Amino acid sequence: MIGNLSSIFRGSGGDFEVNRFVGGVGVLAYILTVPSIVAFEVIVRHREFDLVAFCAAYPTGLGVAIGAIAGAVAIKDRQVAKAKTETAAAATAQADAEGRT
């Protein structure tokens, strides 16, 4: 099972990627800390718990965190694929040029 979970941190090349790991840790931290801070405010500071505000803000923040990480990873993957394509095209052009002379 751990082997399957570690695959979410691997990129298209099969290597571990920092963006995916940091993003996963960041989302996990968000999932754990926000309810903890709300519980602290309610229990220790005796503030009222506003269920409507929490239900509106918490999923929105989680969606923004996941979306930002997914966007960053997608942009990086797209740039890596573009660079590989350009490198392959340049190598082909160079091989063609050497073959003609």
C-alpha atoms as a PDB file:
ATOM      1  CA  MET A   1       0.000   0.000   0.000  1.00  0.00           C
ATOM      2  CA  ILE A   2       2.816   2.425   0.801  1.00  0.00           C
ATOM      3  CA  GLY A   3       4.305   1.807  -2.639  1.00  0.00           C
ATOM      4  CA  ASN A   4       1.028   2.847  -4.240  1.00  0.00           C
ATOM      5  CA  LEU A   5       0.813   5.996  -2.126  1.00  0.00           C
ATOM      6  CA  SER A   6       4.338   7.042  -3.012  1.00  0.00           C
ATOM      7  CA  SER A   7       3.434   7.016  -6.699  1.00  0.00           C
ATOM      8  CA  ILE A   8       1.392  10.207  -6.246  1.00  0.00           C
ATOM      9  CA  PHE A   9       4.671  12.031  -5.597  1.00  0.00           C
ATOM     10  CA  ARG A  10       6.287  10.790  -8.825  1.00  0.00           C
ATOM     11  CA  GLY A  11       6.281  12.761 -12.043  1.00  0.00           C
ATOM     12  CA  SER A  12       5.952  11.605 -15.622  1.00  0.00           C
ATOM     13  CA  GLY A  13       9.603  10.513 -15.613  1.00  0.00           C
ATOM     14  CA  GLY A  14       9.117   8.304 -12.554  1.00  0.00           C
ATOM     15  CA  ASP A  15      11.249  10.466 -10.251  1.00  0.00           C
ATOM     16  CA  PHE A  16      10.022  12.032  -7.038  1.00  0.00           C
ATOM     17  CA  GLU A  17       9.076  15.680  -7.494  1.00  0.00           C
ATOM     18  CA  VAL A  18       9.408  18.356  -4.865  1.00  0.00           C
ATOM     19  CA  ASN A  19       6.279  20.216  -6.043  1.00  0.00           C
ATOM     20  CA  ARG A  20       4.078  17.209  -5.504  1.00  0.00           C
ATOM     21  CA  PHE A  21       5.561  16.400  -2.101  1.00  0.00           C
ATOM     22  CA  VAL A  22       5.413  19.968  -0.774  1.00  0.00           C
ATOM     23  CA  GLY A  23       1.883  20.331  -2.125  1.00  0.00           C
ATOM     24  CA  GLY A  24       0.759  17.122  -0.456  1.00  0.00           C
ATOM     25  CA  VAL A  25       2.279  18.149   2.859  1.00  0.00           C
ATOM     26  CA  GLY A  26       0.731  21.615   2.543  1.00  0.00           C
ATOM     27  CA  VAL A  27      -2.755  20.253   1.896  1.00  0.00           C
ATOM     28  CA  LEU A  28      -2.379  17.783   4.763  1.00  0.00           C
ATOM     29  CA  ALA A  29      -1.293  20.617   7.052  1.00  0.00           C
ATOM     30  CA  TYR A  30      -4.338  22.647   5.976  1.00  0.00           C
ATOM     31  CA  ILE A  31      -6.652  19.709   6.629  1.00  0.00           C
ATOM     32  CA  LEU A  32      -5.256  19.248  10.145  1.00  0.00           C
ATOM     33  CA  THR A  33      -4.593  22.793  11.329  1.00  0.00           C
ATOM     34  CA  VAL A  34      -7.746  24.657  10.337  1.00  0.00           C
ATOM     35  CA  PRO A  35     -10.105  22.508  12.431  1.00  0.00           C
ATOM     36  CA  SER A  36      -7.543  22.611  15.252  1.00  0.00           C
ATOM     37  CA  ILE A  37      -7.457  26.411  15.206  1.00  0.00           C
ATOM     38  CA  VAL A  38     -11.250  26.571  15.134  1.00  0.00           C
ATOM     39  CA  ALA A  39     -11.435  24.135  18.056  1.00  0.00           C
ATOM     40  CA  PHE A  40      -8.912  26.245  19.971  1.00  0.00           C
ATOM     41  CA  GLU A  41     -10.976  29.390  19.384  1.00  0.00           C
ATOM     42  CA  VAL A  42     -14.179  27.685  20.528  1.00  0.00           C
ATOM     43  CA  ILE A  43     -12.801  25.779  23.527  1.00  0.00           C
ATOM     44  CA  VAL A  44     -10.117  28.079  24.917  1.00  0.00           C
ATOM     45  CA  ARG A  45     -11.323  31.519  23.904  1.00  0.00           C
ATOM     46  CA  HIS A  46     -15.035  30.650  24.281  1.00  0.00           C
ATOM     47  CA  ARG A  47     -16.018  32.086  20.923  1.00  0.00           C
ATOM     48  CA  GLU A  48     -19.106  30.992  19.047  1.00  0.00           C
ATOM     49  CA  PHE A  49     -18.720  28.439  16.303  1.00  0.00           C
ATOM     50  CA  ASP A  50     -20.253  29.691  13.072  1.00  0.00           C
ATOM     51  CA  LEU A  51     -21.058  26.565  11.097  1.00  0.00           C
ATOM     52  CA  VAL A  52     -22.149  28.470   8.000  1.00  0.00           C
ATOM     53  CA  ALA A  53     -18.921  30.472   7.800  1.00  0.00           C
ATOM     54  CA  PHE A  54     -16.796  27.392   8.429  1.00  0.00           C
ATOM     55  CA  CYS A  55     -18.624  25.336   5.784  1.00  0.00           C
ATOM     56  CA  ALA A  56     -18.234  28.169   3.288  1.00  0.00           C
ATOM     57  CA  ALA A  57     -14.578  28.981   3.949  1.00  0.00           C
ATOM     58  CA  TYR A  58     -12.980  25.591   4.671  1.00  0.00           C
ATOM     59  CA  PRO A  59     -13.783  23.802   1.375  1.00  0.00           C
ATOM     60  CA  THR A  60     -12.952  26.947  -0.570  1.00  0.00           C
ATOM     61  CA  GLY A  61      -9.521  27.181   1.023  1.00  0.00           C
ATOM     62  CA  LEU A  62      -8.915  23.485   0.477  1.00  0.00           C
ATOM     63  CA  GLY A  63      -9.921  23.812  -3.164  1.00  0.00           C
ATOM     64  CA  VAL A  64      -7.611  26.782  -3.644  1.00  0.00           C
ATOM     65  CA  ALA A  65      -4.697  24.875  -2.075  1.00  0.00           C
ATOM     66  CA  ILE A  66      -5.269  21.780  -4.199  1.00  0.00           C
ATOM     67  CA  GLY A  67      -5.874  23.838  -7.335  1.00  0.00           C
ATOM     68  CA  ALA A  68      -2.722  25.886  -6.875  1.00  0.00           C
ATOM     69  CA  ILE A  69      -0.565  22.807  -6.416  1.00  0.00           C
ATOM     70  CA  ALA A  70      -2.204  20.988  -9.330  1.00  0.00           C
ATOM     71  CA  GLY A  71      -1.718  24.059 -11.509  1.00  0.00           C
ATOM     72  CA  ALA A  72       1.939  24.388 -10.582  1.00  0.00           C
ATOM     73  CA  VAL A  73       2.592  20.722 -11.295  1.00  0.00           C
ATOM     74  CA  ALA A  74       0.693  20.881 -14.605  1.00  0.00           C
ATOM     75  CA  ILE A  75       2.634  23.932 -15.757  1.00  0.00           C
ATOM     76  CA  LYS A  76       5.935  22.294 -14.839  1.00  0.00           C
ATOM     77  CA  ASP A  77       4.990  19.049 -16.601  1.00  0.00           C
ATOM     78  CA  ARG A  78       3.955  21.000 -19.698  1.00  0.00           C
ATOM     79  CA  GLN A  79       7.258  22.891 -19.732  1.00  0.00           C
ATOM     80  CA  VAL A  80       9.257  19.669 -19.337  1.00  0.00           C
ATOM     81  CA  ALA A  81       7.355  18.047 -22.223  1.00  0.00           C
ATOM     82  CA  LYS A  82       7.901  21.141 -24.378  1.00  0.00           C
ATOM     83  CA  ALA A  83      11.639  21.136 -23.620  1.00  0.00           C
ATOM     84  CA  LYS A  84      11.918  17.428 -24.477  1.00  0.00           C
ATOM     85  CA  THR A  85      10.115  17.994 -27.777  1.00  0.00           C
ATOM     86  CA  GLU A  86      12.328  20.953 -28.679  1.00  0.00           C
ATOM     87  CA  THR A  87      15.461  19.004 -27.770  1.00  0.00           C
ATOM     88  CA  ALA A  88      14.376  16.047 -29.906  1.00  0.00           C
ATOM     89  CA  ALA A  89      13.530  18.360 -32.821  1.00  0.00           C
ATOM     90  CA  ALA A  90      16.919  20.079 -32.556  1.00  0.00           C
ATOM     91  CA  ALA A  91      18.720  16.728 -32.466  1.00  0.00           C
ATOM     92  CA  THR A  92      16.800  15.557 -35.543  1.00  0.00           C
ATOM     93  CA  ALA A  93      17.576  18.784 -37.386  1.00  0.00           C
ATOM     94  CA  GLN A  94      21.248  18.463 -36.503  1.00  0.00           C
ATOM     95  CA  ALA A  95      21.336  14.832 -37.656  1.00  0.00           C
ATOM     96  CA  ASP A  96      19.679  15.836 -40.945  1.00  0.00           C
ATOM     97  CA  ALA A  97      22.171  18.663 -41.435  1.00  0.00           C
ATOM     98  CA  GLU A  98      25.128  16.347 -40.791  1.00  0.00           C
ATOM     99  CA  GLY A  99      23.747  13.744 -43.175  1.00  0.00           C
ATOM    100  CA  ARG A 100      23.423  16.220 -46.041  1.00  0.00           C
ATOM    101  CA  THR A 101      26.999  17.533 -45.927  1.00  0.00           C
END
